[in-house]
Amino acid sequence: MEPLLIMLADDHAEMRQEMKRILAERKDFQVIGEAGDGLEVLDFLALHPIHPHLLILDVTMPHLSGIEVARKIKAEYPEVKVLILTIHQEEEYLTQALTAGVQGYLLKEDADAEIFFAIEKILNGEFYLSPLLRKQHNA
């Protein structure tokens, strides 16, 4: 079975390291790239012939926000699925992410417990939304 190729984009190196540690629990996942800002994501995709199946992307990053990156990714590389991983619970960020065409929106506080479930839903063609945000939208 081919591994799921993942790219991590977050301006905090510690967060990228933590996500790599969590994702390494799954032998069928392989992190093939990292970026600390939005432009690095686009450069990586332009320079590497093998693209990730999934991009895990923070919202607030230097140079280009995660939302702007998601828009460009969906336009240029529609096969790459995008999971937003953020601290932002505000409706405006979620709305912008949905408009950009992302497949999931995960709060960092839920990441430990939910990351594998989020990825599974996205790979099954479903939209993933963090539990706290689901509660807010069902209320």
C-alpha atoms as a PDB file:
ATOM      1  CA  MET A   1       0.000   0.000   0.000  1.00  0.00           C
ATOM      2  CA  GLU A   2       1.277   3.424  -0.965  1.00  0.00           C
ATOM      3  CA  PRO A   3       1.836   5.810   1.952  1.00  0.00           C
ATOM      4  CA  LEU A   4      -0.227   8.951   2.349  1.00  0.00           C
ATOM      5  CA  LEU A   5       2.135  11.802   1.465  1.00  0.00           C
ATOM      6  CA  ILE A   6       1.724  14.802   3.766  1.00  0.00           C
ATOM      7  CA  MET A   7       3.148  18.310   3.840  1.00  0.00           C
ATOM      8  CA  LEU A   8       3.090  20.447   6.999  1.00  0.00           C
ATOM      9  CA  ALA A   9       2.935  24.236   6.898  1.00  0.00           C
ATOM     10  CA  ASP A  10       3.081  26.225  10.127  1.00  0.00           C
ATOM     11  CA  ASP A  11       5.234  29.191  11.069  1.00  0.00           C
ATOM     12  CA  HIS A  12       6.055  27.557  14.418  1.00  0.00           C
ATOM     13  CA  ALA A  13       8.759  24.908  14.022  1.00  0.00           C
ATOM     14  CA  GLU A  14       7.712  23.333  17.337  1.00  0.00           C
ATOM     15  CA  MET A  15       4.203  22.760  16.000  1.00  0.00           C
ATOM     16  CA  ARG A  16       5.559  21.132  12.848  1.00  0.00           C
ATOM     17  CA  GLN A  17       7.781  18.868  14.965  1.00  0.00           C
ATOM     18  CA  GLU A  18       4.856  17.895  17.192  1.00  0.00           C
ATOM     19  CA  MET A  19       2.683  17.089  14.178  1.00  0.00           C
ATOM     20  CA  LYS A  20       5.493  15.005  12.645  1.00  0.00           C
ATOM     21  CA  ARG A  21       5.771  13.096  15.927  1.00  0.00           C
ATOM     22  CA  ILE A  22       2.025  12.413  16.003  1.00  0.00           C
ATOM     23  CA  LEU A  23       1.835  11.458  12.315  1.00  0.00           C
ATOM     24  CA  ALA A  24       4.834   9.105  12.693  1.00  0.00           C
ATOM     25  CA  GLU A  25       2.564   6.850  14.775  1.00  0.00           C
ATOM     26  CA  ARG A  26       1.052   5.749  11.477  1.00  0.00           C
ATOM     27  CA  LYS A  27       3.402   3.747   9.242  1.00  0.00           C
ATOM     28  CA  ASP A  28       1.179   4.505   6.236  1.00  0.00           C
ATOM     29  CA  PHE A  29       1.759   8.280   6.587  1.00  0.00           C
ATOM     30  CA  GLN A  30       4.882   9.989   5.274  1.00  0.00           C
ATOM     31  CA  VAL A  31       5.721  13.669   5.789  1.00  0.00           C
ATOM     32  CA  ILE A  32       7.482  14.712   2.582  1.00  0.00           C
ATOM     33  CA  GLY A  33       7.832  18.431   3.205  1.00  0.00           C
ATOM     34  CA  GLU A  34       7.568  21.303   5.640  1.00  0.00           C
ATOM     35  CA  ALA A  35       7.143  25.028   5.268  1.00  0.00           C
ATOM     36  CA  GLY A  36       7.301  27.927   7.689  1.00  0.00           C
ATOM     37  CA  ASP A  37       5.369  30.380   5.523  1.00  0.00           C
ATOM     38  CA  GLY A  38       2.906  30.485   2.669  1.00  0.00           C
ATOM     39  CA  LEU A  39       5.418  31.183  -0.082  1.00  0.00           C
ATOM     40  CA  GLU A  40       7.527  28.173   0.961  1.00  0.00           C
ATOM     41  CA  VAL A  41       4.484  25.945   0.400  1.00  0.00           C
ATOM     42  CA  LEU A  42       4.016  27.194  -3.148  1.00  0.00           C
ATOM     43  CA  ASP A  43       7.758  26.964  -3.858  1.00  0.00           C
ATOM     44  CA  PHE A  44       7.835  23.367  -2.602  1.00  0.00           C
ATOM     45  CA  LEU A  45       4.968  22.348  -4.864  1.00  0.00           C
ATOM     46  CA  ALA A  46       6.457  24.127  -7.870  1.00  0.00           C
ATOM     47  CA  LEU A  47       9.901  22.554  -7.383  1.00  0.00           C
ATOM     48  CA  HIS A  48       8.986  18.973  -6.447  1.00  0.00           C
ATOM     49  CA  PRO A  49       7.502  16.589  -8.996  1.00  0.00           C
ATOM     50  CA  ILE A  50       5.852  14.495  -6.269  1.00  0.00           C
ATOM     51  CA  HIS A  51       3.091  16.407  -4.529  1.00  0.00           C
ATOM     52  CA  PRO A  52       1.558  15.616  -1.162  1.00  0.00           C
ATOM     53  CA  HIS A  53      -1.863  14.012  -1.057  1.00  0.00           C
ATOM     54  CA  LEU A  54      -2.646  16.174   1.972  1.00  0.00           C
ATOM     55  CA  LEU A  55      -1.443  19.604   3.055  1.00  0.00           C
ATOM     56  CA  ILE A  56      -1.883  20.413   6.756  1.00  0.00           C
ATOM     57  CA  LEU A  57      -1.899  24.189   6.824  1.00  0.00           C
ATOM     58  CA  ASP A  58      -1.946  26.873   9.520  1.00  0.00           C
ATOM     59  CA  VAL A  59      -4.055  29.979   8.910  1.00  0.00           C
ATOM     60  CA  THR A  60      -1.733  32.710  10.174  1.00  0.00           C
ATOM     61  CA  MET A  61       1.661  32.513   8.495  1.00  0.00           C
ATOM     62  CA  PRO A  62       4.072  35.102   7.086  1.00  0.00           C
ATOM     63  CA  HIS A  63       4.015  36.233   3.438  1.00  0.00           C
ATOM     64  CA  LEU A  64       0.797  34.425   2.492  1.00  0.00           C
ATOM     65  CA  SER A  65      -1.905  33.357   4.912  1.00  0.00           C
ATOM     66  CA  GLY A  66      -3.051  29.766   4.978  1.00  0.00           C
ATOM     67  CA  ILE A  67      -6.335  30.867   3.397  1.00  0.00           C
ATOM     68  CA  GLU A  68      -4.499  32.493   0.472  1.00  0.00           C
ATOM     69  CA  VAL A  69      -2.306  29.407   0.094  1.00  0.00           C
ATOM     70  CA  ALA A  70      -5.371  27.137   0.145  1.00  0.00           C
ATOM     71  CA  ARG A  71      -6.997  29.194  -2.630  1.00  0.00           C
ATOM     72  CA  LYS A  72      -3.883  28.934  -4.795  1.00  0.00           C
ATOM     73  CA  ILE A  73      -3.447  25.214  -4.059  1.00  0.00           C
ATOM     74  CA  LYS A  74      -7.039  24.417  -4.980  1.00  0.00           C
ATOM     75  CA  ALA A  75      -6.688  26.395  -8.231  1.00  0.00           C
ATOM     76  CA  GLU A  76      -3.281  25.019  -9.286  1.00  0.00           C
ATOM     77  CA  TYR A  77      -3.201  21.587  -7.615  1.00  0.00           C
ATOM     78  CA  PRO A  78      -6.837  20.529  -7.129  1.00  0.00           C
ATOM     79  CA  GLU A  79      -5.809  16.945  -6.318  1.00  0.00           C
ATOM     80  CA  VAL A  80      -4.055  18.103  -3.118  1.00  0.00           C
ATOM     81  CA  LYS A  81      -6.425  17.952  -0.164  1.00  0.00           C
ATOM     82  CA  VAL A  82      -6.119  20.707   2.448  1.00  0.00           C
ATOM     83  CA  LEU A  83      -6.699  20.424   6.184  1.00  0.00           C
ATOM     84  CA  ILE A  84      -6.533  23.712   8.085  1.00  0.00           C
ATOM     85  CA  LEU A  85      -4.903  23.320  11.522  1.00  0.00           C
ATOM     86  CA  THR A  86      -5.366  26.499  13.537  1.00  0.00           C
ATOM     87  CA  ILE A  87      -6.086  28.195  16.831  1.00  0.00           C
ATOM     88  CA  HIS A  88      -8.739  30.395  15.190  1.00  0.00           C
ATOM     89  CA  GLN A  89     -12.300  29.573  16.199  1.00  0.00           C
ATOM     90  CA  GLU A  90     -13.803  32.713  14.684  1.00  0.00           C
ATOM     91  CA  GLU A  91     -16.529  32.264  12.098  1.00  0.00           C
ATOM     92  CA  GLU A  92     -14.781  34.558   9.609  1.00  0.00           C
ATOM     93  CA  TYR A  93     -11.759  32.237   9.335  1.00  0.00           C
ATOM     94  CA  LEU A  94     -13.933  29.163   8.912  1.00  0.00           C
ATOM     95  CA  THR A  95     -16.005  30.898   6.232  1.00  0.00           C
ATOM     96  CA  GLN A  96     -12.874  32.015   4.366  1.00  0.00           C
ATOM     97  CA  ALA A  97     -11.429  28.491   4.565  1.00  0.00           C
ATOM     98  CA  LEU A  98     -14.633  26.967   3.206  1.00  0.00           C
ATOM     99  CA  THR A  99     -14.698  29.508   0.392  1.00  0.00           C
ATOM    100  CA  ALA A 100     -11.086  28.626  -0.415  1.00  0.00           C
ATOM    101  CA  GLY A 101     -12.144  24.990  -0.885  1.00  0.00           C
ATOM    102  CA  VAL A 102     -10.435  23.248   2.040  1.00  0.00           C
ATOM    103  CA  GLN A 103     -11.551  19.747   3.034  1.00  0.00           C
ATOM    104  CA  GLY A 104     -11.223  20.193   6.787  1.00  0.00           C
ATOM    105  CA  TYR A 105     -10.835  22.651   9.647  1.00  0.00           C
ATOM    106  CA  LEU A 106      -9.147  21.320  12.803  1.00  0.00           C
ATOM    107  CA  LEU A 107      -8.429  23.342  15.935  1.00  0.00           C
ATOM    108  CA  LYS A 108      -4.939  22.850  17.343  1.00  0.00           C
ATOM    109  CA  GLU A 109      -6.412  22.104  20.757  1.00  0.00           C
ATOM    110  CA  ASP A 110      -8.208  19.103  19.211  1.00  0.00           C
ATOM    111  CA  ALA A 111      -5.273  17.904  17.113  1.00  0.00           C
ATOM    112  CA  ASP A 112      -3.948  15.170  19.425  1.00  0.00           C
ATOM    113  CA  ALA A 113      -7.330  13.512  19.751  1.00  0.00           C
ATOM    114  CA  GLU A 114      -8.744  14.208  16.294  1.00  0.00           C
ATOM    115  CA  ILE A 115      -5.978  14.335  13.663  1.00  0.00           C
ATOM    116  CA  PHE A 116      -6.333  10.741  12.476  1.00  0.00           C
ATOM    117  CA  PHE A 117     -10.142  10.956  12.407  1.00  0.00           C
ATOM    118  CA  ALA A 118      -9.921  14.230  10.464  1.00  0.00           C
ATOM    119  CA  ILE A 119      -7.568  12.727   7.888  1.00  0.00           C
ATOM    120  CA  GLU A 120      -9.735   9.623   7.521  1.00  0.00           C
ATOM    121  CA  LYS A 121     -12.869  11.698   6.885  1.00  0.00           C
ATOM    122  CA  ILE A 122     -11.051  13.837   4.308  1.00  0.00           C
ATOM    123  CA  LEU A 123      -9.672  10.773   2.509  1.00  0.00           C
ATOM    124  CA  ASN A 124     -13.211   9.369   2.394  1.00  0.00           C
ATOM    125  CA  GLY A 125     -14.358  12.519   0.586  1.00  0.00           C
ATOM    126  CA  GLU A 126     -16.112  14.020   3.614  1.00  0.00           C
ATOM    127  CA  PHE A 127     -15.618  17.449   5.158  1.00  0.00           C
ATOM    128  CA  TYR A 128     -14.098  17.480   8.640  1.00  0.00           C
ATOM    129  CA  LEU A 129     -14.900  20.116  11.280  1.00  0.00           C
ATOM    130  CA  SER A 130     -13.376  20.237  14.787  1.00  0.00           C
ATOM    131  CA  PRO A 131     -15.701  19.073  17.614  1.00  0.00           C
ATOM    132  CA  LEU A 132     -15.849  22.473  19.339  1.00  0.00           C
ATOM    133  CA  LEU A 133     -16.864  24.157  16.090  1.00  0.00           C
ATOM    134  CA  ARG A 134     -19.418  21.419  15.352  1.00  0.00           C
ATOM    135  CA  LYS A 135     -21.012  22.140  18.737  1.00  0.00           C
ATOM    136  CA  GLN A 136     -21.095  25.879  18.004  1.00  0.00           C
ATOM    137  CA  HIS A 137     -22.739  25.297  14.608  1.00  0.00           C
ATOM    138  CA  ASN A 138     -25.286  22.805  15.937  1.00  0.00           C
ATOM    139  CA  ALA A 139     -26.329  25.150  18.749  1.00  0.00           C
END
